[in-house]
């Protein structure tokens, strides 16, 4: 039989308090202004490194860009190089 007891553990954890768009400099409260069930997500990143079965290492370059700046600034910039938007529907 395992005899259990409850212990109190104190620790510090780093959480995202707010997020500021790297382009327009507007600060949002933890996410891009969406409601509790809304999804607004932007991802612009590059990762490189080495991955072995027992572990690995690497680095990621990321930018925090709000959805408005992504749609109004970044997407047209990339499309200026001849790229076309790929829109994918999703459902869970």
Protein backbone atom coordinates (compact mmCIF):
# COMPACT_ATOMS: atom_id res chain seq x y z
CA UNK A 1 0.00 0.00 0.00
CA UNK A 2 1.22 3.47 -0.83
CA UNK A 3 0.66 6.01 1.88
CA UNK A 4 0.32 9.48 0.40
CA UNK A 5 0.48 12.98 1.73
CA UNK A 6 -0.06 16.37 0.13
CA UNK A 7 2.84 18.76 0.08
CA UNK A 8 2.91 22.40 -0.94
CA UNK A 9 5.44 23.31 -3.61
CA UNK A 10 6.33 26.86 -4.46
CA UNK A 11 7.90 27.73 -7.79
CA UNK A 12 8.03 30.49 -10.33
CA UNK A 13 6.82 30.09 -13.88
CA UNK A 14 7.19 32.49 -16.79
CA UNK A 15 3.94 33.19 -18.65
CA UNK A 16 3.06 35.49 -21.52
CA UNK A 17 1.46 38.58 -20.00
CA UNK A 18 0.99 40.48 -23.25
CA UNK A 19 2.20 40.40 -26.84
CA UNK A 20 3.31 43.35 -28.96
CA UNK A 21 3.24 43.29 -32.75
CA UNK A 22 6.73 43.81 -34.19
CA UNK A 23 5.29 45.93 -37.03
CA UNK A 24 2.50 48.15 -35.68
CA UNK A 25 3.74 48.07 -32.04
CA UNK A 26 0.19 47.56 -30.67
CA UNK A 27 0.18 45.50 -27.46
CA UNK A 28 -2.47 42.83 -27.00
CA UNK A 29 -3.49 41.01 -23.82
CA UNK A 30 -1.86 37.55 -24.18
CA UNK A 31 -3.33 36.85 -27.62
CA UNK A 32 -4.27 38.78 -30.72
CA UNK A 33 -7.51 40.34 -29.44
CA UNK A 34 -9.69 37.28 -30.02
CA UNK A 35 -12.53 36.21 -27.73
CA UNK A 36 -12.36 33.11 -25.57
CA UNK A 37 -13.22 30.74 -28.40
CA UNK A 38 -11.84 32.68 -31.36
CA UNK A 39 -8.64 31.59 -33.07
CA UNK A 40 -6.31 34.24 -34.48
CA UNK A 41 -2.82 32.90 -34.98
CA UNK A 42 0.13 34.04 -37.03
CA UNK A 43 3.40 32.19 -37.43
CA UNK A 44 6.52 33.47 -39.09
CA UNK A 45 9.53 31.47 -38.00
CA UNK A 46 12.63 29.65 -39.15
CA UNK A 47 14.21 26.76 -37.31
CA UNK A 48 17.53 25.00 -37.79
CA UNK A 49 19.53 22.49 -35.83
CA UNK A 50 20.41 18.84 -35.47
CA UNK A 51 18.13 16.13 -34.13
CA UNK A 52 19.31 12.67 -33.08
CA UNK A 53 17.20 9.87 -31.59
CA UNK A 54 18.60 10.65 -28.11
CA UNK A 55 18.18 14.43 -28.35
CA UNK A 56 19.22 17.45 -30.29
CA UNK A 57 19.81 21.17 -30.36
CA UNK A 58 19.00 24.13 -32.51
CA UNK A 59 17.55 27.58 -32.66
CA UNK A 60 14.42 29.27 -33.93
CA UNK A 61 14.00 32.78 -35.28
CA UNK A 62 10.49 34.11 -34.66
CA UNK A 63 8.56 37.31 -35.21
CA UNK A 64 5.41 38.42 -33.38
CA UNK A 65 3.11 39.83 -36.05
CA UNK A 66 -0.56 40.58 -35.39
CA UNK A 67 -3.16 39.17 -37.82
CA UNK A 68 -3.93 42.61 -39.32
CA UNK A 69 -0.27 43.29 -40.11
CA UNK A 70 0.15 39.77 -41.48
CA UNK A 71 -2.80 40.15 -43.87
CA UNK A 72 -2.24 43.82 -44.77
CA UNK A 73 1.58 44.01 -44.85
CA UNK A 74 3.40 40.67 -44.81
CA UNK A 75 1.16 38.67 -47.20
CA UNK A 76 1.20 41.37 -49.94
CA UNK A 77 4.99 41.71 -49.52
CA UNK A 78 5.50 37.96 -50.05
CA UNK A 79 2.99 37.92 -52.91
CA UNK A 80 5.10 40.65 -54.55
CA UNK A 81 7.69 37.94 -55.18
CA UNK A 82 5.14 35.90 -57.14
CA UNK A 83 4.02 33.62 -54.31
CA UNK A 84 0.35 32.74 -54.06
CA UNK A 85 -1.67 32.43 -50.84
CA UNK A 86 -2.53 28.91 -49.82
CA UNK A 87 -5.77 28.99 -47.84
CA UNK A 88 -6.62 25.78 -45.98
CA UNK A 89 -9.90 25.17 -44.15
CA UNK A 90 -9.81 23.27 -40.90
CA UNK A 91 -12.44 21.71 -38.70
CA UNK A 92 -12.18 19.86 -35.38
